[in-house]
C-alpha atoms as a PDB file:
ATOM      1  CA  MET A   1      10.963  20.318  -0.104  1.00  0.00           C
ATOM      2  CA  ILE A   2       7.511  21.246   0.512  1.00  0.00           C
ATOM      3  CA  GLU A   3       6.616  24.202  -1.287  1.00  0.00           C
ATOM      4  CA  VAL A   4       3.551  26.140  -0.633  1.00  0.00           C
ATOM      5  CA  VAL A   5       2.305  28.298  -4.064  1.00  0.00           C
ATOM      6  CA  GLY A   6      -0.929  30.856  -3.540  1.00  0.00           C
ATOM      7  CA  LEU A   7      -2.638  28.570  -1.097  1.00  0.00           C
ATOM      8  CA  ALA A   8      -6.814  29.668  -0.133  1.00  0.00           C
ATOM      9  CA  LYS A   9      -9.048  28.006   1.411  1.00  0.00           C
ATOM     10  CA  ALA A  10     -12.417  29.527   2.269  1.00  0.00           C
ATOM     11  CA  PHE A  11     -14.730  27.509   5.161  1.00  0.00           C
ATOM     12  CA  ARG A  12     -18.709  28.326   5.821  1.00  0.00           C
ATOM     13  CA  PRO A  13     -19.059  28.068  10.055  1.00  0.00           C
ATOM     14  CA  GLY A  14     -23.147  28.228  10.126  1.00  0.00           C
ATOM     15  CA  ARG A  15     -25.477  27.136   8.594  1.00  0.00           C
ATOM     16  CA  GLY A  16     -27.922  28.679   5.858  1.00  0.00           C
ATOM     17  CA  ARG A  17     -28.296  31.167   2.991  1.00  0.00           C
ATOM     18  CA  ALA A  18     -27.429  34.132   5.492  1.00  0.00           C
ATOM     19  CA  ALA A  19     -24.425  31.761   6.854  1.00  0.00           C
ATOM     20  CA  SER A  20     -21.293  34.030   5.327  1.00  0.00           C
ATOM     21  CA  TRP A  21     -17.579  32.711   4.059  1.00  0.00           C
ATOM     22  CA  VAL A  22     -14.772  33.066   6.263  1.00  0.00           C
ATOM     23  CA  ARG A  23     -11.376  32.775   4.486  1.00  0.00           C
ATOM     24  CA  ALA A  24      -8.947  31.022   6.814  1.00  0.00           C
ATOM     25  CA  VAL A  25      -5.870  30.814   3.793  1.00  0.00           C
ATOM     26  CA  ASP A  26      -6.019  33.596   1.571  1.00  0.00           C
ATOM     27  CA  GLY A  27      -2.310  34.036  -0.584  1.00  0.00           C
ATOM     28  CA  VAL A  28       0.290  31.881   1.441  1.00  0.00           C
ATOM     29  CA  ASP A  29       3.950  31.354  -0.391  1.00  0.00           C
ATOM     30  CA  PHE A  30       6.836  29.470   1.271  1.00  0.00           C
ATOM     31  CA  VAL A  31       9.348  27.220   0.838  1.00  0.00           C
ATOM     32  CA  ALA A  32      10.653  24.845   3.270  1.00  0.00           C
ATOM     33  CA  ALA A  33      14.196  22.833   2.203  1.00  0.00           C
ATOM     34  CA  ASP A  34      15.610  19.938   3.107  1.00  0.00           C
ATOM     35  CA  GLY A  35      17.883  20.107   6.051  1.00  0.00           C
ATOM     36  CA  ARG A  36      16.410  23.233   7.500  1.00  0.00           C
ATOM     37  CA  ILE A  37      13.442  23.578  10.005  1.00  0.00           C
ATOM     38  CA  THR A  38      11.176  26.787   8.702  1.00  0.00           C
ATOM     39  CA  GLY A  39       8.620  27.798  11.189  1.00  0.00           C
ATOM     40  CA  LEU A  40       5.052  29.560  10.711  1.00  0.00           C
ATOM     41  CA  LEU A  41       5.014  31.765  13.214  1.00  0.00           C
ATOM     42  CA  GLY A  42       1.541  33.780  13.607  1.00  0.00           C
ATOM     43  CA  PRO A  43      -1.215  34.769  16.202  1.00  0.00           C
ATOM     44  CA  ASN A  44      -3.940  32.367  16.717  1.00  0.00           C
ATOM     45  CA  GLY A  45      -6.060  32.318  13.942  1.00  0.00           C
ATOM     46  CA  ALA A  46      -3.479  33.120  11.339  1.00  0.00           C
ATOM     47  CA  GLY A  47      -4.210  30.815   9.325  1.00  0.00           C
ATOM     48  CA  LYS A  48      -1.361  28.026  10.219  1.00  0.00           C
ATOM     49  CA  THR A  49      -3.648  24.517  10.976  1.00  0.00           C
ATOM     50  CA  THR A  50      -5.519  25.014   8.102  1.00  0.00           C
ATOM     51  CA  THR A  51      -2.124  25.616   6.199  1.00  0.00           C
ATOM     52  CA  LEU A  52      -0.862  21.964   7.463  1.00  0.00           C
ATOM     53  CA  ARG A  53      -3.880  20.078   6.924  1.00  0.00           C
ATOM     54  CA  ILE A  54      -3.984  20.909   3.901  1.00  0.00           C
ATOM     55  CA  ALA A  55      -0.270  19.986   3.245  1.00  0.00           C
ATOM     56  CA  ALA A  56      -1.155  16.609   5.075  1.00  0.00           C
ATOM     57  CA  ALA A  57      -3.815  16.353   2.494  1.00  0.00           C
ATOM     58  CA  LEU A  58      -6.971  16.241   5.229  1.00  0.00           C
ATOM     59  CA  ILE A  59      -8.609  19.791   3.029  1.00  0.00           C
ATOM     60  CA  GLU A  60      -8.290  20.415   0.111  1.00  0.00           C
ATOM     61  CA  PRO A  61      -7.939  23.858  -1.036  1.00  0.00           C
ATOM     62  CA  ASP A  62      -9.755  26.244  -2.731  1.00  0.00           C
ATOM     63  CA  ALA A  63      -6.678  27.370  -4.955  1.00  0.00           C
ATOM     64  CA  GLY A  64      -3.216  27.424  -5.169  1.00  0.00           C
ATOM     65  CA  GLN A  65      -0.964  24.267  -4.465  1.00  0.00           C
ATOM     66  CA  VAL A  66       1.054  22.338  -1.912  1.00  0.00           C
ATOM     67  CA  LEU A  67       4.003  20.338  -3.907  1.00  0.00           C
ATOM     68  CA  VAL A  68       6.532  18.095  -1.015  1.00  0.00           C
ATOM     69  CA  ASP A  69       9.460  16.876  -3.386  1.00  0.00           C
ATOM     70  CA  GLY A  70       7.828  18.003  -6.198  1.00  0.00           C
ATOM     71  CA  ILE A  71       4.418  15.868  -5.956  1.00  0.00           C
ATOM     72  CA  GLU A  72       1.263  18.099  -5.989  1.00  0.00           C
ATOM     73  CA  VAL A  73      -0.667  17.043  -2.325  1.00  0.00           C
ATOM     74  CA  ALA A  74      -4.434  17.294  -4.003  1.00  0.00           C
ATOM     75  CA  ARG A  75      -3.611  15.388  -7.226  1.00  0.00           C
ATOM     76  CA  GLN A  76      -1.488  12.691  -5.850  1.00  0.00           C
ATOM     77  CA  PRO A  77      -2.250  12.240  -2.142  1.00  0.00           C
ATOM     78  CA  ARG A  78      -0.669   9.436  -1.116  1.00  0.00           C
ATOM     79  CA  ALA A  79       1.989   9.279  -2.872  1.00  0.00           C
ATOM     80  CA  ALA A  80       2.935  12.940  -1.617  1.00  0.00           C
ATOM     81  CA  LEU A  81       2.246  11.324   2.092  1.00  0.00           C
ATOM     82  CA  ALA A  82       4.188   8.383   1.972  1.00  0.00           C
ATOM     83  CA  ARG A  83       7.455  11.060   1.869  1.00  0.00           C
ATOM     84  CA  MET A  84       5.940  12.872   4.701  1.00  0.00           C
ATOM     85  CA  GLY A  85       4.917  12.745   8.411  1.00  0.00           C
ATOM     86  CA  VAL A  86       2.518  14.128  10.284  1.00  0.00           C
ATOM     87  CA  LEU A  87       2.204  15.019  13.810  1.00  0.00           C
ATOM     88  CA  SER A  88      -0.790  17.279  14.812  1.00  0.00           C
ATOM     89  CA  ASP A  89      -1.228  16.635  17.745  1.00  0.00           C
ATOM     90  CA  ALA A  90      -0.245  13.773  20.820  1.00  0.00           C
ATOM     91  CA  ARG A  91      -3.800  12.256  21.109  1.00  0.00           C
ATOM     92  CA  GLY A  92      -4.544   8.911  19.298  1.00  0.00           C
ATOM     93  CA  LEU A  93      -2.477   6.508  20.597  1.00  0.00           C
ATOM     94  CA  TYR A  94      -3.642   3.075  21.419  1.00  0.00           C
ATOM     95  CA  PRO A  95      -3.364   2.991  25.077  1.00  0.00           C
ATOM     96  CA  ARG A  96      -3.808  -0.861  25.129  1.00  0.00           C
ATOM     97  CA  LEU A  97      -0.751  -0.684  23.160  1.00  0.00           C
ATOM     98  CA  THR A  98       2.453  -0.336  23.895  1.00  0.00           C
ATOM     99  CA  ALA A  99       4.664   2.400  22.652  1.00  0.00           C
ATOM    100  CA  ARG A 100       6.250  -0.189  19.997  1.00  0.00           C
ATOM    101  CA  GLU A 101       3.160  -1.673  19.520  1.00  0.00           C
ATOM    102  CA  ASN A 102       1.604   1.951  18.147  1.00  0.00           C
ATOM    103  CA  ILE A 103       5.018   2.035  15.823  1.00  0.00           C
ATOM    104  CA  VAL A 104       5.144  -0.296  14.606  1.00  0.00           C
ATOM    105  CA  TYR A 105       1.631  -0.584  13.884  1.00  0.00           C
ATOM    106  CA  TYR A 106       2.158   2.269  11.556  1.00  0.00           C
ATOM    107  CA  GLY A 107       4.887   0.995   9.808  1.00  0.00           C
ATOM    108  CA  ARG A 108       2.385  -1.705   9.141  1.00  0.00           C
ATOM    109  CA  LEU A 109       0.162   0.194   7.571  1.00  0.00           C
ATOM    110  CA  HIS A 110       2.854   2.150   5.231  1.00  0.00           C
ATOM    111  CA  GLY A 111       3.758  -0.628   3.687  1.00  0.00           C
ATOM    112  CA  MET A 112       6.435  -2.202   5.940  1.00  0.00           C
ATOM    113  CA  SER A 113       7.241  -5.615   7.102  1.00  0.00           C
ATOM    114  CA  ALA A 114       7.056  -6.408  10.633  1.00  0.00           C
ATOM    115  CA  PRO A 115      11.044  -6.931  11.532  1.00  0.00           C
ATOM    116  CA  ALA A 116      11.494  -3.456   9.368  1.00  0.00           C
ATOM    117  CA  ALA A 117       8.900  -1.978  11.353  1.00  0.00           C
ATOM    118  CA  ASN A 118      10.678  -3.407  14.724  1.00  0.00           C
ATOM    119  CA  ALA A 119      14.195  -1.999  13.908  1.00  0.00           C
ATOM    120  CA  ARG A 120      12.903   1.274  12.798  1.00  0.00           C
ATOM    121  CA  ALA A 121      11.370   1.090  15.968  1.00  0.00           C
ATOM    122  CA  GLU A 122      13.929   0.210  18.333  1.00  0.00           C
ATOM    123  CA  ALA A 123      16.694   3.071  15.676  1.00  0.00           C
ATOM    124  CA  LEU A 124      13.751   6.141  16.704  1.00  0.00           C
ATOM    125  CA  ALA A 125      13.988   5.730  20.351  1.00  0.00           C
ATOM    126  CA  ARG A 126      17.870   5.497  20.108  1.00  0.00           C
ATOM    127  CA  VAL A 127      17.186   8.911  18.359  1.00  0.00           C
ATOM    128  CA  LEU A 128      14.461  10.259  20.531  1.00  0.00           C
ATOM    129  CA  GLU A 129      15.908   8.852  23.752  1.00  0.00           C
ATOM    130  CA  MET A 130      12.720   6.824  24.692  1.00  0.00           C
ATOM    131  CA  ALA A 131      14.315   3.400  24.923  1.00  0.00           C
ATOM    132  CA  ALA A 132      13.243   3.216  28.519  1.00  0.00           C
ATOM    133  CA  LEU A 133       9.362   3.417  27.053  1.00  0.00           C
ATOM    134  CA  LEU A 134       9.197   1.154  23.994  1.00  0.00           C
ATOM    135  CA  ASP A 135       7.204  -2.237  25.959  1.00  0.00           C
ATOM    136  CA  ARG A 136       5.459   0.040  28.155  1.00  0.00           C
ATOM    137  CA  ARG A 137       1.446   0.586  27.418  1.00  0.00           C
ATOM    138  CA  THR A 138       0.663   4.231  26.361  1.00  0.00           C
ATOM    139  CA  GLU A 139      -2.281   4.666  28.344  1.00  0.00           C
ATOM    140  CA  GLY A 140      -0.938   6.151  31.668  1.00  0.00           C
ATOM    141  CA  PHE A 141       2.015   8.421  29.831  1.00  0.00           C
ATOM    142  CA  SER A 142       2.909  11.716  29.985  1.00  0.00           C
ATOM    143  CA  GLN A 143       2.068  14.712  27.722  1.00  0.00           C
ATOM    144  CA  GLY A 144       5.846  14.684  26.680  1.00  0.00           C
ATOM    145  CA  GLU A 145       6.008  10.647  26.723  1.00  0.00           C
ATOM    146  CA  ARG A 146       3.153  10.420  24.355  1.00  0.00           C
ATOM    147  CA  MET A 147       4.811  13.359  22.173  1.00  0.00           C
ATOM    148  CA  LYS A 148       7.717  11.057  21.565  1.00  0.00           C
ATOM    149  CA  THR A 149       5.584   8.145  20.869  1.00  0.00           C
ATOM    150  CA  ALA A 150       3.325  10.151  18.563  1.00  0.00           C
ATOM    151  CA  LEU A 151       6.719  11.722  16.601  1.00  0.00           C
ATOM    152  CA  ALA A 152       8.162   8.179  16.578  1.00  0.00           C
ATOM    153  CA  ARG A 153       4.881   6.869  14.655  1.00  0.00           C
ATOM    154  CA  ALA A 154       5.234   9.382  12.125  1.00  0.00           C
ATOM    155  CA  LEU A 155       8.913   8.779  11.440  1.00  0.00           C
ATOM    156  CA  VAL A 156       8.283   5.194  11.592  1.00  0.00           C
ATOM    157  CA  HIS A 157       7.990   5.155   7.213  1.00  0.00           C
ATOM    158  CA  ASP A 158      11.809   7.262   7.359  1.00  0.00           C
ATOM    159  CA  PRO A 159      10.087  10.358   5.566  1.00  0.00           C
ATOM    160  CA  PRO A 160      12.029  13.163   4.339  1.00  0.00           C
ATOM    161  CA  ASN A 161       9.785  15.617   5.791  1.00  0.00           C
ATOM    162  CA  ILE A 162       8.302  16.227   8.747  1.00  0.00           C
ATOM    163  CA  VAL A 163       4.998  18.566   9.528  1.00  0.00           C
ATOM    164  CA  LEU A 164       4.212  19.058  13.043  1.00  0.00           C
ATOM    165  CA  ASP A 165       1.369  21.180  14.407  1.00  0.00           C
ATOM    166  CA  GLU A 166       2.429  23.403  17.497  1.00  0.00           C
ATOM    167  CA  PRO A 167       3.744  20.578  19.237  1.00  0.00           C
ATOM    168  CA  THR A 168       5.329  21.979  21.929  1.00  0.00           C
ATOM    169  CA  ASN A 169       1.575  22.993  23.327  1.00  0.00           C
ATOM    170  CA  GLY A 170       0.801  21.102  26.968  1.00  0.00           C
ATOM    171  CA  LEU A 171       4.666  20.192  27.013  1.00  0.00           C
ATOM    172  CA  ASP A 172       6.445  21.390  30.321  1.00  0.00           C
ATOM    173  CA  VAL A 173      10.063  22.209  29.999  1.00  0.00           C
ATOM    174  CA  LEU A 174      11.978  19.433  29.917  1.00  0.00           C
ATOM    175  CA  ALA A 175       9.897  18.029  27.299  1.00  0.00           C
ATOM    176  CA  THR A 176       9.685  20.705  25.268  1.00  0.00           C
ATOM    177  CA  ARG A 177      13.910  20.457  25.804  1.00  0.00           C
ATOM    178  CA  ALA A 178      13.738  17.171  24.800  1.00  0.00           C
ATOM    179  CA  LEU A 179      11.598  17.826  21.844  1.00  0.00           C
ATOM    180  CA  ARG A 180      13.580  20.052  20.564  1.00  0.00           C
ATOM    181  CA  GLU A 181      17.031  18.159  20.523  1.00  0.00           C
ATOM    182  CA  ALA A 182      15.314  15.536  18.533  1.00  0.00           C
ATOM    183  CA  LEU A 183      14.152  17.917  15.745  1.00  0.00           C
ATOM    184  CA  ARG A 184      17.555  19.309  15.336  1.00  0.00           C
ATOM    185  CA  ARG A 185      19.043  15.616  15.355  1.00  0.00           C
ATOM    186  CA  LEU A 186      16.497  15.187  12.761  1.00  0.00           C
ATOM    187  CA  ARG A 187      18.037  18.301  10.715  1.00  0.00           C
ATOM    188  CA  ASP A 188      21.483  17.703  11.635  1.00  0.00           C
ATOM    189  CA  GLU A 189      22.416  14.210  11.144  1.00  0.00           C
ATOM    190  CA  GLN A 190      19.224  13.363   8.791  1.00  0.00           C
ATOM    191  CA  GLY A 191      18.823  15.786   6.465  1.00  0.00           C
ATOM    192  CA  LYS A 192      15.725  15.954   7.541  1.00  0.00           C
ATOM    193  CA  CYS A 193      12.953  19.549   6.272  1.00  0.00           C
ATOM    194  CA  ILE A 194      10.588  19.971   9.180  1.00  0.00           C
ATOM    195  CA  VAL A 195       7.952  22.437   9.214  1.00  0.00           C
ATOM    196  CA  PHE A 196       6.213  23.322  12.509  1.00  0.00           C
ATOM    197  CA  SER A 197       3.576  25.884  13.719  1.00  0.00           C
ATOM    198  CA  THR A 198       3.424  27.754  16.561  1.00  0.00           C
ATOM    199  CA  HIS A 199       2.393  31.224  18.117  1.00  0.00           C
ATOM    200  CA  ILE A 200       5.491  30.788  20.856  1.00  0.00           C
ATOM    201  CA  MET A 201       8.305  33.215  19.537  1.00  0.00           C
ATOM    202  CA  GLN A 202      10.757  31.530  22.010  1.00  0.00           C
ATOM    203  CA  GLU A 203      10.962  28.361  19.956  1.00  0.00           C
ATOM    204  CA  VAL A 204      11.487  30.286  16.686  1.00  0.00           C
ATOM    205  CA  GLU A 205      14.495  32.075  17.983  1.00  0.00           C
ATOM    206  CA  ARG A 206      16.185  28.951  19.603  1.00  0.00           C
ATOM    207  CA  LEU A 207      15.197  26.026  17.208  1.00  0.00           C
ATOM    208  CA  CYS A 208      14.090  28.272  13.269  1.00  0.00           C
ATOM    209  CA  ASP A 209      16.519  28.486  10.398  1.00  0.00           C
ATOM    210  CA  HIS A 210      13.551  29.847   8.292  1.00  0.00           C
ATOM    211  CA  VAL A 211      10.727  31.734   9.620  1.00  0.00           C
ATOM    212  CA  VAL A 212       7.053  32.532   7.825  1.00  0.00           C
ATOM    213  CA  VAL A 213       5.182  34.913   9.319  1.00  0.00           C
ATOM    214  CA  MET A 214       1.377  34.659   9.082  1.00  0.00           C
ATOM    215  CA  ALA A 215      -1.616  36.906   9.672  1.00  0.00           C
ATOM    216  CA  ARG A 216      -5.008  36.811   8.747  1.00  0.00           C
ATOM    217  CA  GLY A 217      -4.658  33.932   6.526  1.00  0.00           C
ATOM    218  CA  ARG A 218      -1.917  35.588   4.157  1.00  0.00           C
ATOM    219  CA  THR A 219       2.550  35.560   4.334  1.00  0.00           C
ATOM    220  CA  VAL A 220       3.234  39.071   5.210  1.00  0.00           C
ATOM    221  CA  ALA A 221       7.309  37.920   5.799  1.00  0.00           C
ATOM    222  CA  ALA A 222       9.393  35.310   5.547  1.00  0.00           C
ATOM    223  CA  GLY A 223      13.633  35.223   6.647  1.00  0.00           C
ATOM    224  CA  THR A 224      15.897  34.347   9.241  1.00  0.00           C
ATOM    225  CA  VAL A 225      15.099  35.667  12.143  1.00  0.00           C
ATOM    226  CA  ALA A 226      17.655  38.541  11.611  1.00  0.00           C
ATOM    227  CA  ALA A 227      16.302  39.354   8.574  1.00  0.00           C
ATOM    228  CA  LEU A 228      13.044  39.857   9.418  1.00  0.00           C
ATOM    229  CA  GLY A 229      14.672  41.931  12.890  1.00  0.00           C
ATOM    230  CA  THR A 230      16.550  44.064   9.881  1.00  0.00           C
ATOM    231  CA  LEU A 231      13.135  44.342   8.538  1.00  0.00           C
ATOM    232  CA  ALA A 232      11.319  45.204  10.964  1.00  0.00           C
ATOM    233  CA  GLY A 233      13.537  47.554  11.887  1.00  0.00           C
ATOM    234  CA  THR A 234      14.262  46.530  15.518  1.00  0.00           C
ATOM    235  CA  ALA A 235      16.905  44.078  17.368  1.00  0.00           C
ATOM    236  CA  ASP A 236      13.757  42.920  19.949  1.00  0.00           C
ATOM    237  CA  PHE A 237      12.162  39.560  17.978  1.00  0.00           C
ATOM    238  CA  GLU A 238       8.790  39.909  19.765  1.00  0.00           C
ATOM    239  CA  GLU A 239       8.475  43.443  18.727  1.00  0.00           C
ATOM    240  CA  ALA A 240       9.756  42.462  14.934  1.00  0.00           C
ATOM    241  CA  PHE A 241       6.908  39.840  15.181  1.00  0.00           C
ATOM    242  CA  VAL A 242       4.072  42.463  16.333  1.00  0.00           C
ATOM    243  CA  ARG A 243       5.285  44.855  13.835  1.00  0.00           C
ATOM    244  CA  LEU A 244       4.731  42.655  10.850  1.00  0.00           C
ATOM    245  CA  ALA A 245       2.044  40.452  11.869  1.00  0.00           C
ATOM    246  CA  TYR A 246      -0.140  43.257  12.770  1.00  0.00           C
ATOM    247  CA  GLY A 247       1.331  46.331  11.058  1.00  0.00           C
ATOM    248  CA  GLY A 248       3.024  48.076  14.092  1.00  0.00           C
ATOM    249  CA  ALA A 249      -0.776  47.971  15.848  1.00  0.00           C
ATOM    250  CA  GLY A 250       0.046  47.585  19.465  1.00  0.00           C
ATOM    251  CA  ALA A 251       4.031  47.798  19.209  1.00  0.00           C
ATOM    252  CA  ALA A 252       5.673  49.181  22.562  1.00  0.00           C
ATOM    253  CA  PRO A 253       6.388  52.648  21.695  1.00  0.00           C
END
């Protein structure tokens, strides 16, 4: 389970005394339960990536906290990260290494023995339908193949919680469908807590059990797709999102 409580973070993008502070996150609260896919939905600049970067211990919050299975990330980052698999994007693979070698290397960094990491790579290849990729160098992989390898690498230590930042960016239709199915399997067969950010409403409708709508650095609504539609007073999810995220600005007449 991942709990986000009163999260706030400001940045000073410019230099000099005249540069103003910008609040990227200004009051984000949500709970992502085990065995459920929770989507962070919001326009660009809503604070989704900053929230997930704080959850991944990449930056510290100014206020609030993120708890991973009860462990506060800012206070015990190593313990929290041991229970979390983080996928920010599909970059960062070592091109001269095979997919298997990339996965095993990260397993070793997590303290796994070489045989255990290799066995885990084999198991993940079956779950993610990437057995044919395992012993190929990642140089020249398609975006979808890179994404599968990066996801396997994030899951090598079998974390109960998974965090993904806009994982379908750059993927074609088939790769997106494959990733969607992999996430469903991880939820249904292994009971993982999965959190992913997106601004694509179709992904949320097809995949998420719970949706957190973010706008202007804040949580503005949360619930199932159906519940959000009821809250916004419309059965059209796109229209519901516009009303919730923008306060009705730009809503269809």
